[in-house]
Amino acid sequence: MAETASHIRSDEYVVRTKDLKKHYRMGDETIEALKGVTLDIFRGEYISLMGPSGSGKSTLFNMIGAGHAVAGRGPCRVPQFR
């Protein structure tokens, strides 16, 4: 187990997704907003999520914020910390 100078475990994830998918129906068309996102963010990490408009950044953050894949497919875990 790795520890940072502030005694925070750096091998402990704060966000974990596996094969997270999200699609929307617009009339007869299906829009794939997320196409199998697997992501681990560990304590102490700083990340940046970049992409063009409409690439699914906000969709991903909204699903992570909900703590689970609401109306999507794939697990999304955000542990509860005190």
N, C-alpha and C. Protein backbone atom coordinates (compact mmCIF):
# COMPACT_ATOMS: atom_id res chain seq x y z
N MET A 1 0.84 -1.18 0.00
CA MET A 1 0.00 0.00 0.00
C MET A 1 0.89 1.25 0.00
N ALA A 2 0.68 2.10 -0.97
CA ALA A 2 1.44 3.34 -1.06
C ALA A 2 0.76 4.43 -0.23
N GLU A 3 1.55 5.31 0.35
CA GLU A 3 1.00 6.44 1.10
C GLU A 3 1.67 7.71 0.64
N THR A 4 0.89 8.78 0.61
CA THR A 4 1.44 10.08 0.27
C THR A 4 1.94 10.73 1.55
N ALA A 5 2.54 11.89 1.41
CA ALA A 5 3.07 12.60 2.58
C ALA A 5 1.98 12.94 3.57
N SER A 6 0.76 13.13 3.11
CA SER A 6 -0.34 13.47 4.02
C SER A 6 -1.05 12.23 4.56
N HIS A 7 -0.45 11.03 4.39
CA HIS A 7 -0.97 9.77 4.90
C HIS A 7 -2.28 9.36 4.25
N ILE A 8 -2.52 9.81 3.04
CA ILE A 8 -3.67 9.37 2.27
C ILE A 8 -3.22 8.21 1.40
N ARG A 9 -3.96 7.13 1.45
CA ARG A 9 -3.61 5.97 0.63
C ARG A 9 -3.77 6.33 -0.85
N SER A 10 -2.69 6.22 -1.59
CA SER A 10 -2.74 6.58 -3.01
C SER A 10 -3.19 5.42 -3.87
N ASP A 11 -3.37 4.23 -3.28
CA ASP A 11 -3.84 3.09 -4.06
C ASP A 11 -5.35 2.87 -3.87
N GLU A 12 -6.01 3.79 -3.20
CA GLU A 12 -7.44 3.71 -2.95
C GLU A 12 -8.18 4.56 -3.98
N TYR A 13 -9.09 3.95 -4.71
CA TYR A 13 -9.79 4.72 -5.73
C TYR A 13 -10.91 5.54 -5.12
N VAL A 14 -11.19 6.66 -5.74
CA VAL A 14 -12.32 7.49 -5.33
C VAL A 14 -13.43 7.43 -6.37
N VAL A 15 -13.09 7.05 -7.59
CA VAL A 15 -14.07 6.81 -8.65
C VAL A 15 -13.60 5.62 -9.45
N ARG A 16 -14.53 4.72 -9.73
CA ARG A 16 -14.19 3.57 -10.57
C ARG A 16 -15.39 3.26 -11.45
N THR A 17 -15.15 3.20 -12.76
CA THR A 17 -16.18 2.77 -13.70
C THR A 17 -15.62 1.62 -14.52
N LYS A 18 -16.50 0.78 -15.00
CA LYS A 18 -16.08 -0.32 -15.86
C LYS A 18 -17.09 -0.50 -16.98
N ASP A 19 -16.62 -0.30 -18.19
CA ASP A 19 -17.45 -0.49 -19.38
C ASP A 19 -18.77 0.28 -19.28
N LEU A 20 -18.68 1.53 -18.80
CA LEU A 20 -19.85 2.37 -18.62
C LEU A 20 -20.38 2.83 -19.97
N LYS A 21 -21.66 2.61 -20.20
CA LYS A 21 -22.29 2.97 -21.48
C LYS A 21 -23.54 3.79 -21.22
N LYS A 22 -23.84 4.69 -22.13
CA LYS A 22 -25.05 5.49 -22.05
C LYS A 22 -25.50 5.82 -23.46
N HIS A 23 -26.77 5.60 -23.71
CA HIS A 23 -27.30 5.97 -25.02
C HIS A 23 -28.66 6.65 -24.83
N TYR A 24 -28.99 7.49 -25.78
CA TYR A 24 -30.24 8.22 -25.79
C TYR A 24 -30.99 7.87 -27.06
N ARG A 25 -32.29 7.90 -26.97
CA ARG A 25 -33.13 7.73 -28.15
C ARG A 25 -33.64 9.10 -28.56
N MET A 26 -33.46 9.42 -29.82
CA MET A 26 -34.01 10.65 -30.39
C MET A 26 -34.81 10.24 -31.62
N GLY A 27 -36.11 10.08 -31.41
CA GLY A 27 -36.94 9.58 -32.49
C GLY A 27 -36.57 8.15 -32.82
N ASP A 28 -36.23 7.89 -34.07
CA ASP A 28 -35.82 6.56 -34.49
C ASP A 28 -34.31 6.34 -34.35
N GLU A 29 -33.59 7.37 -33.93
CA GLU A 29 -32.13 7.31 -33.87
C GLU A 29 -31.65 7.06 -32.44
N THR A 30 -30.61 6.24 -32.29
CA THR A 30 -29.97 6.00 -31.00
C THR A 30 -28.63 6.72 -30.99
N ILE A 31 -28.43 7.57 -29.99
CA ILE A 31 -27.19 8.33 -29.83
C ILE A 31 -26.38 7.67 -28.72
N GLU A 32 -25.15 7.24 -29.02
CA GLU A 32 -24.27 6.66 -28.00
C GLU A 32 -23.43 7.77 -27.39
N ALA A 33 -23.77 8.14 -26.16
CA ALA A 33 -23.02 9.21 -25.48
C ALA A 33 -21.75 8.66 -24.85
N LEU A 34 -21.81 7.46 -24.29
CA LEU A 34 -20.63 6.80 -23.71
C LEU A 34 -20.57 5.39 -24.29
N LYS A 35 -19.39 5.02 -24.75
CA LYS A 35 -19.24 3.73 -25.43
C LYS A 35 -18.27 2.82 -24.69
N GLY A 36 -18.55 2.54 -23.43
CA GLY A 36 -17.71 1.60 -22.67
C GLY A 36 -16.54 2.26 -21.97
N VAL A 37 -16.81 3.23 -21.11
CA VAL A 37 -15.76 3.96 -20.40
C VAL A 37 -15.32 3.19 -19.16
N THR A 38 -14.04 2.87 -19.11
CA THR A 38 -13.45 2.26 -17.92
C THR A 38 -12.45 3.27 -17.36
N LEU A 39 -12.62 3.59 -16.08
CA LEU A 39 -11.84 4.67 -15.49
C LEU A 39 -11.62 4.40 -14.00
N ASP A 40 -10.40 4.55 -13.54
CA ASP A 40 -10.07 4.52 -12.12
C ASP A 40 -9.40 5.83 -11.77
N ILE A 41 -9.94 6.54 -10.80
CA ILE A 41 -9.32 7.76 -10.29
C ILE A 41 -8.97 7.48 -8.84
N PHE A 42 -7.69 7.63 -8.50
CA PHE A 42 -7.21 7.32 -7.16
C PHE A 42 -7.08 8.58 -6.32
N ARG A 43 -7.17 8.39 -5.01
CA ARG A 43 -7.00 9.52 -4.08
C ARG A 43 -5.71 10.25 -4.39
N GLY A 44 -5.79 11.56 -4.36
CA GLY A 44 -4.60 12.38 -4.57
C GLY A 44 -4.32 12.69 -6.03
N GLU A 45 -5.01 12.05 -6.94
CA GLU A 45 -4.78 12.31 -8.37
C GLU A 45 -5.54 13.54 -8.82
N TYR A 46 -4.94 14.26 -9.73
CA TYR A 46 -5.59 15.36 -10.43
C TYR A 46 -5.78 14.90 -11.85
N ILE A 47 -6.98 15.05 -12.37
CA ILE A 47 -7.24 14.61 -13.73
C ILE A 47 -7.83 15.75 -14.54
N SER A 48 -7.74 15.60 -15.82
CA SER A 48 -8.36 16.53 -16.75
C SER A 48 -9.09 15.69 -17.79
N LEU A 49 -10.31 16.06 -18.07
CA LEU A 49 -11.10 15.37 -19.07
C LEU A 49 -11.36 16.34 -20.20
N MET A 50 -10.83 16.02 -21.36
CA MET A 50 -10.94 16.94 -22.49
C MET A 50 -11.56 16.22 -23.68
N GLY A 51 -12.28 16.97 -24.48
CA GLY A 51 -12.86 16.42 -25.70
C GLY A 51 -13.75 17.46 -26.34
N PRO A 52 -14.11 17.25 -27.57
CA PRO A 52 -14.96 18.22 -28.26
C PRO A 52 -16.38 18.24 -27.69
N SER A 53 -17.09 19.27 -28.00
CA SER A 53 -18.48 19.39 -27.59
C SER A 53 -19.26 18.17 -28.08
N GLY A 54 -20.06 17.60 -27.19
CA GLY A 54 -20.87 16.45 -27.56
C GLY A 54 -20.17 15.11 -27.45
N SER A 55 -18.98 15.09 -26.85
CA SER A 55 -18.23 13.83 -26.76
C SER A 55 -18.57 12.99 -25.53
N GLY A 56 -19.40 13.51 -24.62
CA GLY A 56 -19.84 12.73 -23.47
C GLY A 56 -19.22 13.12 -22.14
N LYS A 57 -18.47 14.21 -22.09
CA LYS A 57 -17.82 14.63 -20.83
C LYS A 57 -18.84 14.89 -19.73
N SER A 58 -19.83 15.69 -20.01
CA SER A 58 -20.85 16.01 -19.00
C SER A 58 -21.67 14.79 -18.64
N THR A 59 -21.97 13.96 -19.61
CA THR A 59 -22.71 12.72 -19.34
C THR A 59 -21.93 11.85 -18.37
N LEU A 60 -20.63 11.71 -18.59
CA LEU A 60 -19.80 10.91 -17.70
C LEU A 60 -19.80 11.49 -16.29
N PHE A 61 -19.60 12.80 -16.16
CA PHE A 61 -19.57 13.43 -14.84
C PHE A 61 -20.93 13.33 -14.15
N ASN A 62 -22.02 13.45 -14.90
CA ASN A 62 -23.35 13.32 -14.30
C ASN A 62 -23.58 11.91 -13.79
N MET A 63 -23.12 10.91 -14.51
CA MET A 63 -23.29 9.53 -14.06
C MET A 63 -22.41 9.23 -12.85
N ILE A 64 -21.21 9.78 -12.83
CA ILE A 64 -20.32 9.61 -11.67
C ILE A 64 -20.94 10.32 -10.46
N GLY A 65 -21.46 11.50 -10.67
CA GLY A 65 -22.08 12.26 -9.58
C GLY A 65 -23.28 11.56 -8.98
N ALA A 66 -24.00 10.80 -9.79
CA ALA A 66 -25.14 10.04 -9.30
C ALA A 66 -24.68 8.83 -8.49
N GLY A 67 -23.41 8.43 -8.66
CA GLY A 67 -22.86 7.31 -7.92
C GLY A 67 -23.16 5.96 -8.52
N HIS A 68 -23.91 5.96 -9.58
CA HIS A 68 -24.21 4.71 -10.27
C HIS A 68 -24.69 5.04 -11.68
N ALA A 69 -24.78 4.02 -12.48
CA ALA A 69 -25.13 4.20 -13.88
C ALA A 69 -26.65 4.30 -14.04
N VAL A 70 -27.20 5.44 -13.71
CA VAL A 70 -28.63 5.65 -13.85
C VAL A 70 -28.99 5.63 -15.33
N ALA A 71 -29.90 4.79 -15.70
CA ALA A 71 -30.37 4.66 -17.09
C ALA A 71 -29.24 4.37 -18.06
N GLY A 72 -28.18 3.80 -17.56
CA GLY A 72 -27.05 3.42 -18.41
C GLY A 72 -26.68 1.98 -18.13
N ARG A 73 -25.56 1.58 -18.64
CA ARG A 73 -25.10 0.21 -18.43
C ARG A 73 -23.66 0.23 -17.96
N GLY A 74 -23.36 -0.62 -17.01
CA GLY A 74 -22.01 -0.72 -16.48
C GLY A 74 -21.93 -0.19 -15.07
N PRO A 75 -21.07 -0.79 -14.25
CA PRO A 75 -20.96 -0.32 -12.86
C PRO A 75 -20.18 0.99 -12.75
N CYS A 76 -20.57 1.78 -11.79
CA CYS A 76 -19.87 3.03 -11.46
C CYS A 76 -19.85 3.12 -9.95
N ARG A 77 -18.66 3.09 -9.36
CA ARG A 77 -18.56 3.10 -7.90
C ARG A 77 -17.87 4.37 -7.42
N VAL A 78 -18.52 5.02 -6.48
CA VAL A 78 -17.95 6.18 -5.81
C VAL A 78 -18.07 5.89 -4.33
N PRO A 79 -16.98 5.45 -3.68
CA PRO A 79 -17.05 5.09 -2.26
C PRO A 79 -17.44 6.29 -1.40
N GLN A 80 -18.08 6.00 -0.28
CA GLN A 80 -18.43 7.04 0.68
C GLN A 80 -17.28 7.21 1.65
N PHE A 81 -16.72 8.41 1.72
CA PHE A 81 -15.60 8.70 2.62
C PHE A 81 -16.08 9.63 3.72
N ARG A 82 -15.46 9.50 4.86
CA ARG A 82 -15.80 10.40 5.98
C ARG A 82 -14.70 11.38 6.20
